[in-house]
Protein backbone atom coordinates (compact mmCIF):
# COMPACT_ATOMS: atom_id res chain seq x y z
CA MET A 1 0.43 -11.16 -8.63
CA HIS A 2 0.76 -7.40 -8.33
CA LYS A 3 -1.80 -5.22 -6.59
CA SER A 4 -3.13 -2.05 -8.13
CA ILE A 5 -1.35 1.25 -7.54
CA THR A 6 -3.30 3.52 -5.20
CA ALA A 7 -2.34 6.67 -3.34
CA ARG A 8 -3.63 5.12 -0.10
CA SER A 9 -1.41 2.03 -0.21
CA SER A 10 1.74 3.52 -1.76
CA PHE A 11 4.82 5.46 -0.83
CA ILE A 12 7.37 7.17 -3.05
CA LEU A 13 11.07 6.31 -2.89
CA MET A 14 13.25 8.77 -4.79
CA ILE A 15 16.78 7.42 -5.12
CA ASP A 16 19.93 9.54 -5.46
CA MET A 17 18.78 12.33 -7.78
CA GLN A 18 21.97 14.28 -7.14
CA GLU A 19 23.94 17.13 -8.66
CA LYS A 20 27.02 15.16 -9.69
CA LEU A 21 25.21 11.96 -10.77
CA LEU A 22 22.56 13.32 -13.10
CA PRO A 23 24.81 15.06 -15.66
CA ALA A 24 26.22 11.65 -16.69
CA VAL A 25 22.81 9.96 -17.08
CA PHE A 26 21.90 9.34 -20.74
CA ASN A 27 18.26 10.46 -20.44
CA LYS A 28 18.64 13.00 -17.64
CA ASP A 29 16.15 15.59 -18.94
CA GLU A 30 13.38 12.99 -19.22
CA VAL A 31 14.28 11.57 -15.79
CA ILE A 32 14.09 15.01 -14.18
CA LYS A 33 10.83 15.95 -15.94
CA ASN A 34 9.15 12.70 -14.87
CA SER A 35 10.52 12.96 -11.34
CA VAL A 36 8.92 16.39 -11.06
CA ARG A 37 5.62 14.83 -12.19
CA ILE A 38 5.78 12.08 -9.57
CA LEU A 39 6.76 14.39 -6.71
CA THR A 40 4.05 16.89 -7.66
CA ALA A 41 1.43 14.14 -7.77
CA ALA A 42 2.66 12.67 -4.49
CA HIS A 43 2.37 16.06 -2.83
CA GLU A 44 -1.16 16.67 -4.20
CA LEU A 45 -2.32 13.15 -3.27
CA SER A 46 -0.59 13.13 0.16
CA VAL A 47 1.54 10.11 -0.75
CA PRO A 48 4.45 9.91 1.72
CA MET A 49 8.04 9.99 0.49
CA ILE A 50 11.41 8.56 1.36
CA VAL A 51 14.37 10.29 -0.31
CA THR A 52 17.99 9.13 -0.42
CA GLU A 53 21.33 10.64 -1.36
CA GLN A 54 24.36 8.49 -2.10
CA TYR A 55 27.45 9.86 -0.34
CA PRO A 56 26.33 13.52 -0.63
CA GLN A 57 29.71 14.82 0.59
CA GLY A 58 31.21 13.65 -2.70
CA ILE A 59 28.24 13.46 -5.09
CA GLY A 60 26.34 16.53 -3.97
CA ALA A 61 22.80 17.16 -2.83
CA THR A 62 19.49 16.40 -4.52
CA ILE A 63 19.08 18.76 -7.48
CA PRO A 64 17.21 21.95 -6.53
CA GLU A 65 14.24 21.45 -8.89
CA LEU A 66 13.43 18.20 -7.08
CA LYS A 67 14.48 19.22 -3.58
CA ASN A 68 11.92 22.04 -3.74
CA LEU A 69 9.15 19.44 -4.26
CA ILE A 70 10.06 17.25 -1.29
CA THR A 71 7.57 17.68 1.53
CA ASP A 72 8.84 19.39 4.68
CA ASP A 73 8.28 16.28 6.81
CA THR A 74 10.44 14.13 4.53
CA GLU A 75 13.93 13.40 5.77
CA ILE A 76 16.63 13.03 3.13
CA MET A 77 18.64 9.94 4.10
CA ASP A 78 22.37 9.85 3.47
CA LYS A 79 23.68 6.44 2.46
CA VAL A 80 26.73 4.68 1.13
CA GLU A 81 24.96 1.37 0.56
CA PHE A 82 23.62 0.67 -2.93
CA SER A 83 20.30 -0.69 -1.67
CA CYS A 84 18.30 1.95 0.18
CA CYS A 85 17.01 -0.84 2.42
CA ALA A 86 20.52 -1.40 3.77
CA ALA A 87 20.88 2.23 4.86
CA LYS A 88 20.83 2.65 8.66
CA LYS A 89 17.78 4.91 8.74
CA PHE A 90 15.64 3.13 6.14
CA GLY A 91 13.94 0.64 8.45
CA ASP A 92 12.88 3.37 10.87
CA ALA A 93 11.74 5.64 8.03
CA PHE A 94 9.62 2.83 6.55
CA LEU A 95 8.09 1.94 9.93
CA ASN A 96 7.32 5.60 10.69
CA LEU A 97 5.77 6.06 7.29
CA SER A 98 3.52 3.01 7.67
CA PHE A 99 2.64 3.93 11.25
CA ASN A 100 1.80 7.55 10.45
CA SER A 101 0.10 7.02 7.09
CA GLY A 102 -1.51 3.58 7.39
CA THR A 103 -0.24 0.36 5.88
CA LYS A 104 1.92 0.94 2.83
CA ASP A 105 2.42 -2.21 0.76
CA THR A 106 3.46 -0.63 -2.54
CA ALA A 107 6.76 1.15 -3.13
CA ILE A 108 7.00 3.43 -6.16
CA LEU A 109 10.67 3.74 -7.08
CA PHE A 110 12.51 6.14 -9.34
CA GLY A 111 15.98 7.63 -9.53
CA VAL A 112 19.51 6.80 -10.56
CA GLU A 113 21.20 4.64 -11.39
CA THR A 114 18.69 2.06 -12.56
CA HIS A 115 21.14 -0.85 -12.73
CA ILE A 116 22.74 -0.17 -9.34
CA CYS A 117 20.76 1.49 -6.54
CA VAL A 118 17.26 1.26 -8.05
CA LEU A 119 17.56 -2.45 -8.84
CA ALA A 120 19.30 -3.33 -5.55
CA THR A 121 16.55 -1.51 -3.65
CA ALA A 122 13.78 -3.23 -5.63
CA ILE A 123 15.27 -6.64 -4.83
CA ASP A 124 15.47 -5.85 -1.10
CA LEU A 125 11.97 -4.34 -0.93
CA ILE A 126 10.60 -7.60 -2.30
CA GLU A 127 12.83 -9.96 -0.31
CA LYS A 128 13.02 -8.13 3.05
CA TYR A 129 9.69 -6.31 3.18
CA ASN A 130 7.49 -8.40 0.85
CA LEU A 131 6.29 -5.22 -0.87
CA ASN A 132 4.79 -4.65 -4.28
CA VAL A 133 7.37 -2.67 -6.22
CA VAL A 134 6.49 -0.29 -9.02
CA ILE A 135 9.31 1.26 -11.03
CA ALA A 136 8.58 4.43 -12.96
CA ALA A 137 10.85 3.49 -15.85
CA ASP A 138 11.03 6.91 -17.50
CA ALA A 139 11.96 8.55 -14.18
CA CYS A 140 14.98 6.24 -13.83
CA GLY A 141 18.29 6.46 -15.59
CA SER A 142 21.82 5.15 -15.92
CA ARG A 143 24.97 6.42 -17.55
CA ASP A 144 24.62 3.68 -20.18
CA GLU A 145 21.24 3.06 -21.83
CA LYS A 146 21.94 -0.69 -22.14
CA ASN A 147 22.46 -0.98 -18.38
CA HIS A 148 19.18 0.87 -17.79
CA THR A 149 17.29 -1.49 -20.11
CA LEU A 150 18.87 -4.63 -18.66
CA ALA A 151 18.03 -3.51 -15.12
CA LEU A 152 14.38 -2.89 -16.05
CA ASP A 153 14.23 -6.37 -17.61
CA ALA A 154 15.69 -7.85 -14.41
CA ALA A 155 13.18 -5.92 -12.30
CA ARG A 156 10.28 -7.30 -14.37
CA ALA A 157 11.65 -10.82 -13.94
CA LEU A 158 11.65 -10.25 -10.16
CA GLY A 159 7.97 -9.32 -10.26
CA CYS A 160 8.23 -5.53 -10.27
CA LEU A 161 5.67 -3.57 -12.24
CA VAL A 162 7.70 -1.47 -14.67
CA VAL A 163 5.61 1.32 -16.18
CA PRO A 164 5.78 4.93 -17.36
CA THR A 165 5.33 7.82 -14.94
CA GLU A 166 1.99 8.69 -16.52
CA THR A 167 0.68 5.23 -15.58
CA VAL A 168 1.82 5.67 -11.98
CA VAL A 169 0.14 9.07 -11.61
CA TYR A 170 -3.11 8.13 -13.35
CA HIS A 171 -3.44 4.92 -11.33
CA MET A 172 -2.91 6.86 -8.10
CA LEU A 173 -5.63 9.30 -9.22
CA GLU A 174 -7.98 6.35 -9.92
CA LYS A 175 -10.50 8.39 -11.98
CA ALA A 176 -10.95 11.46 -14.16
CA GLY A 177 -13.11 14.48 -13.51
CA THR A 178 -12.04 15.11 -9.91
CA PRO A 179 -10.42 18.36 -8.72
CA LEU A 180 -7.14 16.43 -8.21
CA PHE A 181 -7.30 15.03 -11.73
CA LYS A 182 -7.84 18.54 -13.11
CA ALA A 183 -4.99 19.90 -10.98
CA LEU A 184 -2.53 17.26 -12.21
CA LEU A 185 -3.64 17.05 -15.86
CA PRO A 186 -1.34 19.94 -16.93
CA LEU A 187 1.68 17.82 -15.95
CA PHE A 188 1.03 15.62 -18.99
CA LYS A 189 0.05 18.20 -21.60
């Protein structure tokens, strides 16, 4: 059974949103727009982040419009592994995040490609860390739409909560009428 999504118990994991990967993604504009929404909300709600780049020497850096929204205390982890959890620095980053920000038992994932790195990471977060995994489906993408859809189906079967970005942000906000709600509302208009 999945727990609710709260800013207090969650962390953001943005996976491989890089210059040479995104142009080939079928729904790249939607993925970028929704990634901006999540990163903006995470910043406003003080939700910690982990960010990865797959082989940046060959695939390039995180795209500028997203890199500008990454908090200064967030390290961007280089990796060659498909699962972020297998990257050398991931374990330390996760422990530091939980130590510095309180217990984090929910991982909110988004990025590319859905059927490779996002899905492999979701599997490992469940199996190795026993975390609740939320996938912001419209902030994920693959080169082929069928692969994206199949990966989201597989993630659901594993017990991941697969929802739109708007659901993620509104659940982290918890209620309307607050200054934070009013600050983030323009993201969805």
